N, C-alpha and C. Protein backbone atom coordinates (compact mmCIF):
# COMPACT_ATOMS: atom_id res chain seq x y z
N MET A 1 23.59 -2.33 -4.65
CA MET A 1 23.78 -1.22 -4.15
C MET A 1 25.33 -1.35 -3.31
N LYS A 2 26.70 -0.75 -3.99
CA LYS A 2 27.49 -1.04 -3.57
C LYS A 2 28.00 0.18 -2.64
N VAL A 3 28.34 -0.21 -1.34
CA VAL A 3 28.86 0.39 -0.38
C VAL A 3 30.57 0.68 -0.04
N THR A 4 30.99 1.95 0.13
CA THR A 4 32.46 1.78 0.35
C THR A 4 32.61 3.21 1.16
N LEU A 5 33.48 2.71 2.35
CA LEU A 5 33.56 3.66 3.62
C LEU A 5 34.78 3.84 3.98
N ASP A 6 35.36 5.02 3.73
CA ASP A 6 36.59 5.44 3.63
C ASP A 6 37.00 6.28 4.76
N ILE A 7 37.56 5.75 5.70
CA ILE A 7 37.90 6.10 7.38
C ILE A 7 38.99 6.53 7.32
N ASP A 8 39.76 7.93 7.65
CA ASP A 8 41.13 8.44 7.75
C ASP A 8 40.86 9.75 8.51
N GLU A 9 41.87 9.96 9.45
CA GLU A 9 41.86 10.91 10.25
C GLU A 9 42.47 12.45 9.38
N ILE A 10 42.51 12.48 8.20
CA ILE A 10 42.99 13.41 7.48
C ILE A 10 41.57 14.23 7.25
N TYR A 11 40.13 13.44 7.02
CA TYR A 11 39.15 14.28 6.81
C TYR A 11 38.39 15.04 8.00
N GLU A 12 38.12 16.06 7.81
CA GLU A 12 37.91 17.43 9.33
C GLU A 12 36.33 16.90 9.64
N GLU A 13 35.39 16.70 8.13
CA GLU A 13 33.99 16.38 8.90
C GLU A 13 33.53 15.07 8.26
N THR A 14 32.69 14.39 8.04
CA THR A 14 32.14 13.26 7.27
C THR A 14 31.23 14.01 6.48
N LYS A 15 31.35 13.52 5.45
CA LYS A 15 30.91 13.71 4.10
C LYS A 15 30.30 12.36 3.08
N VAL A 16 29.03 12.79 2.57
CA VAL A 16 28.17 11.59 2.43
C VAL A 16 27.72 11.78 1.03
N THR A 17 28.15 10.80 -0.27
CA THR A 17 28.32 10.99 -1.65
C THR A 17 27.57 10.18 -1.87
N ILE A 18 26.56 10.19 -2.98
CA ILE A 18 25.94 8.81 -3.55
C ILE A 18 25.84 9.14 -4.91
N HIS A 19 26.32 8.40 -5.67
CA HIS A 19 26.62 8.23 -7.17
C HIS A 19 25.25 7.26 -7.64
N CYS A 20 24.28 7.61 -8.25
CA CYS A 20 23.63 6.53 -9.03
C CYS A 20 22.93 7.37 -10.61
N ASN A 21 22.32 6.22 -11.10
CA ASN A 21 22.01 6.69 -12.26
C ASN A 21 20.40 7.23 -12.05
N GLU A 22 19.96 6.92 -10.97
CA GLU A 22 18.36 7.43 -10.61
C GLU A 22 17.94 7.39 -9.21
N VAL A 23 17.26 8.30 -8.93
CA VAL A 23 16.85 8.42 -7.63
C VAL A 23 15.43 7.27 -7.19
N ASP A 24 15.90 5.76 -7.19
CA ASP A 24 14.79 5.10 -6.39
C ASP A 24 14.29 4.81 -4.83
N ASP A 25 13.59 3.97 -4.92
CA ASP A 25 13.41 3.74 -3.18
C ASP A 25 14.48 3.50 -2.33
N SER A 26 15.30 2.68 -2.83
CA SER A 26 16.57 2.49 -1.92
C SER A 26 17.30 3.65 -1.79
N ILE A 27 17.36 4.51 -2.84
CA ILE A 27 18.22 5.80 -2.35
C ILE A 27 17.75 6.63 -1.43
N LYS A 28 15.93 6.98 -1.98
CA LYS A 28 14.81 7.53 -1.04
C LYS A 28 15.05 6.84 0.44
N GLU A 29 15.51 5.75 0.60
CA GLU A 29 15.27 5.39 2.25
C GLU A 29 16.67 5.55 2.74
N VAL A 30 17.77 5.83 2.00
CA VAL A 30 19.56 6.19 2.54
C VAL A 30 18.92 7.81 3.24
N LEU A 31 18.23 8.54 2.14
CA LEU A 31 18.67 9.84 2.18
C LEU A 31 18.04 10.13 3.33
N ASP A 32 16.35 9.67 3.49
CA ASP A 32 15.59 9.81 4.54
C ASP A 32 16.18 9.29 5.85
N PHE A 33 17.03 8.01 5.64
CA PHE A 33 17.58 7.89 7.06
C PHE A 33 18.23 9.07 7.69
N LEU A 34 19.47 9.31 6.61
CA LEU A 34 20.71 10.42 7.01
C LEU A 34 19.81 11.80 7.26
N LYS A 35 18.97 12.30 6.61
CA LYS A 35 18.10 13.46 6.83
C LYS A 35 17.59 13.17 8.18
N GLY A 36 17.01 11.98 8.76
CA GLY A 36 15.83 11.95 9.78
C GLY A 36 16.85 11.43 11.06
N LYS A 37 18.06 11.61 10.83
CA LYS A 37 18.90 11.55 12.22
C LYS A 37 19.35 12.88 12.57
N LYS A 38 18.66 13.85 11.84
CA LYS A 38 18.71 15.55 12.21
C LYS A 38 17.85 16.17 13.22
N THR A 39 16.51 15.39 13.16
CA THR A 39 15.62 15.22 14.33
C THR A 39 15.07 14.21 15.15
N GLU A 40 15.83 13.89 16.35
CA GLU A 40 15.21 12.71 17.20
C GLU A 40 14.49 13.08 18.27
N PHE A 41 13.92 14.46 18.27
CA PHE A 41 12.98 14.72 19.26
C PHE A 41 12.75 16.21 19.14
N LEU A 42 11.38 16.39 19.46
CA LEU A 42 11.15 17.81 19.38
C LEU A 42 10.28 17.93 20.71
N VAL A 43 10.34 19.46 21.16
CA VAL A 43 10.05 20.05 22.46
C VAL A 43 8.53 20.31 22.43
N GLY A 44 7.18 19.58 23.10
CA GLY A 44 6.15 20.53 23.23
C GLY A 44 5.73 21.00 24.50
N ARG A 45 5.04 21.76 24.37
CA ARG A 45 4.24 22.19 25.83
C ARG A 45 2.87 22.30 25.85
N ASP A 46 2.67 21.70 27.14
CA ASP A 46 1.08 21.40 27.46
C ASP A 46 1.19 22.30 28.68
N GLY A 47 0.32 23.33 28.79
CA GLY A 47 0.26 24.23 29.75
C GLY A 47 2.01 25.16 30.19
N GLU A 48 2.31 24.80 31.20
CA GLU A 48 3.50 24.86 31.93
C GLU A 48 4.46 24.09 31.75
N MET A 49 4.21 22.65 31.36
CA MET A 49 5.22 21.92 31.03
C MET A 49 5.29 21.29 29.69
N GLN A 50 6.61 21.07 29.87
CA GLN A 50 7.49 20.94 28.46
C GLN A 50 7.47 19.47 28.48
N HIS A 51 7.43 18.80 27.14
CA HIS A 51 7.50 17.45 26.85
C HIS A 51 8.73 16.97 25.89
N ILE A 52 8.95 15.65 26.32
CA ILE A 52 9.80 15.62 24.84
C ILE A 52 9.33 14.56 23.96
N LEU A 53 9.35 14.98 22.67
CA LEU A 53 8.19 14.36 21.67
C LEU A 53 9.00 13.55 20.51
N LYS A 54 8.69 12.17 20.47
CA LYS A 54 10.04 11.79 19.52
C LYS A 54 8.80 11.89 17.87
N PRO A 55 9.40 12.04 16.76
CA PRO A 55 8.83 12.26 15.75
C PRO A 55 7.96 11.35 15.27
N ASP A 56 8.48 9.96 15.62
CA ASP A 56 7.41 8.33 15.68
C ASP A 56 6.18 8.55 16.06
N ASP A 57 6.08 9.63 17.24
CA ASP A 57 4.81 9.15 18.23
C ASP A 57 3.78 10.15 17.88
N ILE A 58 4.17 11.23 16.78
CA ILE A 58 3.06 12.02 16.43
C ILE A 58 2.14 11.79 15.49
N HIS A 59 1.18 11.91 15.71
CA HIS A 59 0.00 11.62 14.35
C HIS A 59 -0.02 12.46 13.52
N PHE A 60 -0.17 13.64 13.82
CA PHE A 60 -0.14 14.91 13.07
C PHE A 60 -0.08 16.31 13.36
N PHE A 61 0.91 17.17 12.48
CA PHE A 61 0.71 18.66 13.28
C PHE A 61 -0.09 19.49 12.29
N HIS A 62 -0.59 20.56 13.01
CA HIS A 62 -1.74 21.42 12.71
C HIS A 62 -1.45 22.85 13.18
N THR A 63 -2.16 23.48 12.38
CA THR A 63 -1.95 24.82 12.85
C THR A 63 -3.61 25.54 13.69
N GLU A 64 -3.05 25.84 14.53
CA GLU A 64 -3.95 26.87 15.31
C GLU A 64 -4.02 28.36 15.24
N LYS A 65 -4.85 28.90 16.21
CA LYS A 65 -4.70 30.72 15.80
C LYS A 65 -3.13 30.63 16.86
N GLU A 66 -2.92 29.88 18.01
CA GLU A 66 -1.91 30.28 18.76
C GLU A 66 -0.35 29.41 18.36
N GLY A 67 -0.77 28.82 16.85
CA GLY A 67 0.57 28.33 16.73
C GLY A 67 0.34 26.76 16.08
N VAL A 68 1.46 25.97 16.50
CA VAL A 68 1.66 24.58 15.32
C VAL A 68 1.57 24.19 16.26
N MET A 69 0.85 22.77 16.31
CA MET A 69 0.19 21.87 17.70
C MET A 69 0.63 20.55 16.79
N ALA A 70 1.24 19.79 17.71
CA ALA A 70 1.89 18.57 17.38
C ALA A 70 0.60 17.43 18.29
N VAL A 71 0.04 16.47 17.65
CA VAL A 71 -0.94 15.64 18.07
C VAL A 71 -0.42 14.11 18.03
N THR A 72 -0.14 13.61 19.65
CA THR A 72 -0.02 12.32 19.58
C THR A 72 -1.23 11.73 20.28
N ALA A 73 -1.05 10.29 20.96
CA ALA A 73 -2.00 9.59 21.60
C ALA A 73 -1.93 10.15 23.26
N GLU A 74 -1.13 11.06 23.60
CA GLU A 74 -1.10 11.29 25.13
C GLU A 74 -1.80 13.10 24.86
N GLY A 75 -2.10 13.67 23.74
CA GLY A 75 -2.41 14.89 23.53
C GLY A 75 -1.94 15.73 22.56
N SER A 76 -2.39 17.00 22.94
CA SER A 76 -1.60 18.04 21.81
C SER A 76 -1.36 18.70 22.49
N PHE A 77 0.63 19.16 21.76
CA PHE A 77 1.18 20.14 22.26
C PHE A 77 1.60 20.77 21.55
N SER A 78 1.85 22.50 21.91
CA SER A 78 2.33 23.61 21.42
C SER A 78 3.58 23.22 21.16
N LEU A 79 4.11 23.53 19.54
CA LEU A 79 5.89 23.78 19.67
C LEU A 79 6.24 25.26 18.90
N LYS A 80 7.10 25.64 18.94
CA LYS A 80 7.77 26.76 18.63
C LYS A 80 7.94 26.61 17.04
N GLU A 81 8.00 25.39 16.60
CA GLU A 81 8.58 25.54 15.21
C GLU A 81 6.93 25.75 14.43
N LYS A 82 7.73 26.42 13.08
CA LYS A 82 6.32 26.37 11.92
C LYS A 82 6.31 25.20 11.07
N LEU A 83 5.28 25.38 10.90
CA LEU A 83 4.85 23.92 9.80
C LEU A 83 6.13 23.79 8.94
N TYR A 84 6.37 24.90 7.91
CA TYR A 84 7.68 24.71 6.94
C TYR A 84 8.88 24.29 7.61
N GLU A 85 9.38 24.75 8.94
CA GLU A 85 10.69 24.68 9.58
C GLU A 85 10.26 22.98 9.36
N LEU A 86 9.39 22.42 10.12
CA LEU A 86 8.69 20.75 10.56
C LEU A 86 8.94 20.32 9.14
N GLU A 87 8.74 20.77 8.13
CA GLU A 87 8.66 20.11 6.58
C GLU A 87 9.95 19.97 6.10
N GLU A 88 11.06 20.59 6.66
CA GLU A 88 12.17 20.61 6.05
C GLU A 88 13.07 19.30 7.34
N MET A 89 12.47 19.53 8.70
CA MET A 89 13.23 18.54 9.70
C MET A 89 12.95 17.19 9.32
N LEU A 90 11.54 16.92 9.27
CA LEU A 90 11.21 15.72 9.21
C LEU A 90 11.38 14.66 7.53
N PRO A 91 11.64 13.46 8.10
CA PRO A 91 11.75 12.60 6.94
C PRO A 91 10.38 11.99 6.12
N PRO A 92 10.80 12.77 4.71
CA PRO A 92 9.73 12.95 3.90
C PRO A 92 8.93 11.52 3.40
N ALA A 93 9.87 10.56 3.74
CA ALA A 93 9.10 8.84 3.40
C ALA A 93 8.16 9.16 4.71
N LYS A 94 8.18 9.82 5.95
CA LYS A 94 7.46 9.50 6.72
C LYS A 94 6.29 10.32 7.03
N PHE A 95 6.50 11.46 6.74
CA PHE A 95 5.72 12.75 7.19
C PHE A 95 5.24 13.58 5.82
N ILE A 96 4.29 13.83 5.55
CA ILE A 96 3.45 14.32 4.15
C ILE A 96 2.81 15.68 4.22
N ARG A 97 2.72 16.62 3.86
CA ARG A 97 1.99 17.90 3.97
C ARG A 97 0.41 17.34 3.16
N LEU A 98 -0.39 17.64 3.93
CA LEU A 98 -2.11 17.24 3.82
C LEU A 98 -2.47 18.73 3.45
N SER A 99 -2.27 19.75 3.94
CA SER A 99 -3.05 21.04 3.21
C SER A 99 -1.65 22.43 3.90
N LYS A 100 -2.70 23.30 3.73
CA LYS A 100 -1.23 24.49 4.24
C LYS A 100 -1.49 24.30 5.50
N SER A 101 -2.13 23.65 6.30
CA SER A 101 -2.40 23.92 7.58
C SER A 101 -1.98 22.47 8.60
N VAL A 102 -1.67 21.51 7.50
CA VAL A 102 -0.99 20.04 8.50
C VAL A 102 -0.60 19.40 7.61
N ILE A 103 0.56 18.73 8.48
CA ILE A 103 1.80 17.21 7.72
C ILE A 103 1.43 16.19 8.57
N ALA A 104 0.89 15.39 8.29
CA ALA A 104 0.55 14.05 8.82
C ALA A 104 1.87 13.06 8.62
N ASN A 105 1.73 11.79 9.66
CA ASN A 105 2.84 10.96 9.68
C ASN A 105 2.10 10.00 9.16
N LEU A 106 2.74 9.50 7.85
CA LEU A 106 2.10 8.42 6.84
C LEU A 106 1.92 7.20 7.75
N HIS A 107 2.46 6.59 8.89
CA HIS A 107 2.21 5.49 9.41
C HIS A 107 1.49 5.67 10.61
N GLU A 108 0.76 6.81 10.76
CA GLU A 108 -0.22 6.97 11.30
C GLU A 108 -1.83 6.96 10.88
N LEU A 109 -1.81 6.88 9.42
CA LEU A 109 -2.98 6.92 8.74
C LEU A 109 -3.96 5.08 8.60
N SER A 110 -4.99 5.18 8.64
CA SER A 110 -5.73 3.85 8.88
C SER A 110 -6.15 4.14 7.30
N ARG A 111 -6.85 4.96 7.00
CA ARG A 111 -8.36 4.92 5.94
C ARG A 111 -8.05 6.26 5.04
N PHE A 112 -8.11 6.38 3.95
CA PHE A 112 -9.11 7.59 3.24
C PHE A 112 -10.28 7.32 2.32
N GLU A 113 -10.73 8.61 1.93
CA GLU A 113 -11.98 8.45 0.92
C GLU A 113 -11.77 9.27 0.67
N ALA A 114 -12.65 9.20 -0.44
CA ALA A 114 -12.60 10.65 -1.67
C ALA A 114 -13.91 11.50 -1.35
N SER A 115 -13.64 12.90 -1.31
CA SER A 115 -14.56 14.05 -0.59
C SER A 115 -15.40 14.40 -1.97
N PHE A 116 -16.36 15.15 -1.86
CA PHE A 116 -17.06 16.05 -2.52
C PHE A 116 -16.94 17.03 -3.42
N ASN A 117 -15.47 17.12 -3.32
CA ASN A 117 -14.71 18.50 -4.55
C ASN A 117 -13.77 18.06 -4.55
N GLY A 118 -13.02 16.87 -4.70
CA GLY A 118 -11.94 16.29 -5.59
C GLY A 118 -10.87 16.26 -4.27
N THR A 119 -11.00 16.42 -3.52
CA THR A 119 -10.19 16.44 -2.13
C THR A 119 -10.45 15.26 -1.51
N LEU A 120 -9.25 14.86 -0.29
CA LEU A 120 -9.56 13.59 0.33
C LEU A 120 -9.82 13.53 1.63
N VAL A 121 -10.50 12.80 2.24
CA VAL A 121 -10.53 13.07 3.70
C VAL A 121 -9.88 11.69 4.10
N VAL A 122 -8.38 11.86 5.34
CA VAL A 122 -7.99 11.13 5.88
C VAL A 122 -8.18 10.58 7.02
N HIS A 123 -8.31 9.16 7.63
CA HIS A 123 -8.54 9.21 8.86
C HIS A 123 -7.37 8.75 9.30
N PHE A 124 -7.23 8.74 10.68
CA PHE A 124 -5.63 8.39 11.30
C PHE A 124 -6.59 7.35 12.44
N LYS A 125 -5.41 6.45 12.71
CA LYS A 125 -5.58 5.16 13.49
C LYS A 125 -6.48 5.75 14.99
N SER A 126 -5.89 6.87 15.36
CA SER A 126 -6.64 7.70 16.76
C SER A 126 -7.96 7.73 16.51
N GLY A 127 -8.47 7.78 15.09
CA GLY A 127 -9.85 8.47 15.19
C GLY A 127 -9.96 9.80 14.60
N ALA A 128 -9.08 10.51 14.74
CA ALA A 128 -9.10 11.79 14.18
C ALA A 128 -8.91 11.82 12.49
N LYS A 129 -9.72 13.21 11.85
CA LYS A 129 -9.66 12.91 10.38
C LYS A 129 -9.13 14.22 10.13
N GLU A 130 -8.39 14.67 9.07
CA GLU A 130 -7.94 15.63 8.35
C GLU A 130 -8.66 15.60 6.69
N TYR A 131 -8.33 16.69 5.98
CA TYR A 131 -8.58 16.94 5.07
C TYR A 131 -7.46 17.31 3.95
N VAL A 132 -7.28 16.55 2.78
CA VAL A 132 -6.17 16.43 2.15
C VAL A 132 -6.78 17.84 0.90
N SER A 133 -6.13 19.08 1.01
CA SER A 133 -6.31 19.91 -0.16
C SER A 133 -6.05 19.36 -1.44
N ARG A 134 -6.68 19.53 -2.58
CA ARG A 134 -6.66 19.07 -3.93
C ARG A 134 -4.96 19.31 -4.31
N THR A 135 -4.67 20.56 -3.84
CA THR A 135 -2.93 21.15 -4.27
C THR A 135 -2.04 19.62 -3.44
N TYR A 136 -2.48 19.19 -2.61
CA TYR A 136 -1.58 18.36 -2.32
C TYR A 136 -2.21 16.58 -2.30
N VAL A 137 -3.60 16.49 -3.24
CA VAL A 137 -3.64 15.12 -3.66
C VAL A 137 -3.09 13.89 -4.08
N SER A 138 -1.95 14.60 -5.22
CA SER A 138 -1.58 13.90 -5.91
C SER A 138 0.15 13.25 -5.09
N GLY A 139 0.30 14.39 -4.48
CA GLY A 139 1.55 14.14 -3.32
C GLY A 139 1.28 12.96 -2.80
N ILE A 140 0.17 12.84 -1.62
CA ILE A 140 -0.28 11.27 -1.03
C ILE A 140 -0.42 10.40 -1.69
N LYS A 141 -0.97 10.46 -2.98
CA LYS A 141 -1.46 9.52 -3.74
C LYS A 141 0.06 8.77 -4.20
N GLU A 142 1.38 9.54 -4.50
CA GLU A 142 2.26 8.84 -4.76
C GLU A 142 3.08 8.44 -3.79
N ALA A 143 3.18 9.19 -2.50
CA ALA A 143 3.39 8.56 -1.20
C ALA A 143 2.85 7.28 -0.78
N LEU A 144 1.29 6.96 -1.08
CA LEU A 144 1.11 5.82 -0.94
C LEU A 144 0.58 4.94 -1.90
N LYS A 145 1.61 5.47 -3.09
CA LYS A 145 1.95 4.66 -4.16
C LYS A 145 0.77 4.21 -4.77
N MET A 146 -0.73 4.73 -5.09
CA MET A 146 -1.64 4.98 -5.31
C MET A 146 -2.15 5.45 -7.16
N ASN A 147 -0.69 5.93 -7.47
CA ASN A 147 -0.59 6.19 -8.93
C ASN A 147 -0.49 5.38 -9.90
N ARG A 148 -0.19 3.70 -9.11
CA ARG A 148 0.79 2.62 -10.08
C ARG A 148 -0.86 2.09 -11.33
N ARG A 149 0.12 2.06 -12.07
CA ARG A 149 -1.11 2.00 -13.52
C ARG A 149 -1.69 -0.12 -12.99
N LYS A 150 -2.80 -0.38 -13.32
CA LYS A 150 -3.00 -1.69 -13.25
C LYS A 150 -2.73 -2.11 -14.21
N ASN A 151 -2.03 -3.37 -14.43
CA ASN A 151 -2.10 -3.77 -15.56
C ASN A 151 -3.40 -5.11 -15.97
N GLY A 152 -3.54 -4.98 -17.09
CA GLY A 152 -4.59 -6.26 -17.58
C GLY A 152 -5.08 -5.53 -18.66
């Protein structure tokens, strides 16, 4: 990968352009890095206390009747953001949609197993588990690189 940096005071704003013949893993990493800089923390509420949460510390997000919750090792925190907003804010190489009501941190997954109806059960390092809807099974398999064909 060739990188060119052009620094000149004539530029009013920073502009990043990537020229490539295909989007491979290295390009995805660069895009995720640039996109990830946008969200360095979220504010979660636990009762009357507001906590600063780093996305890397969040195991998963899920909806409850009172809104979206962020689950960390320290507990669950209520967020003002909607799931679709979080999905746009967070780097897709780290966070993946499991269902209409759950977004997971891929780095917090420990194992998964097939469920009886074509879904997956995902187990987190914390011991929590969530179900992957059939709609999202192919996306998580792709993210975990499970769709590779075996040679032989």
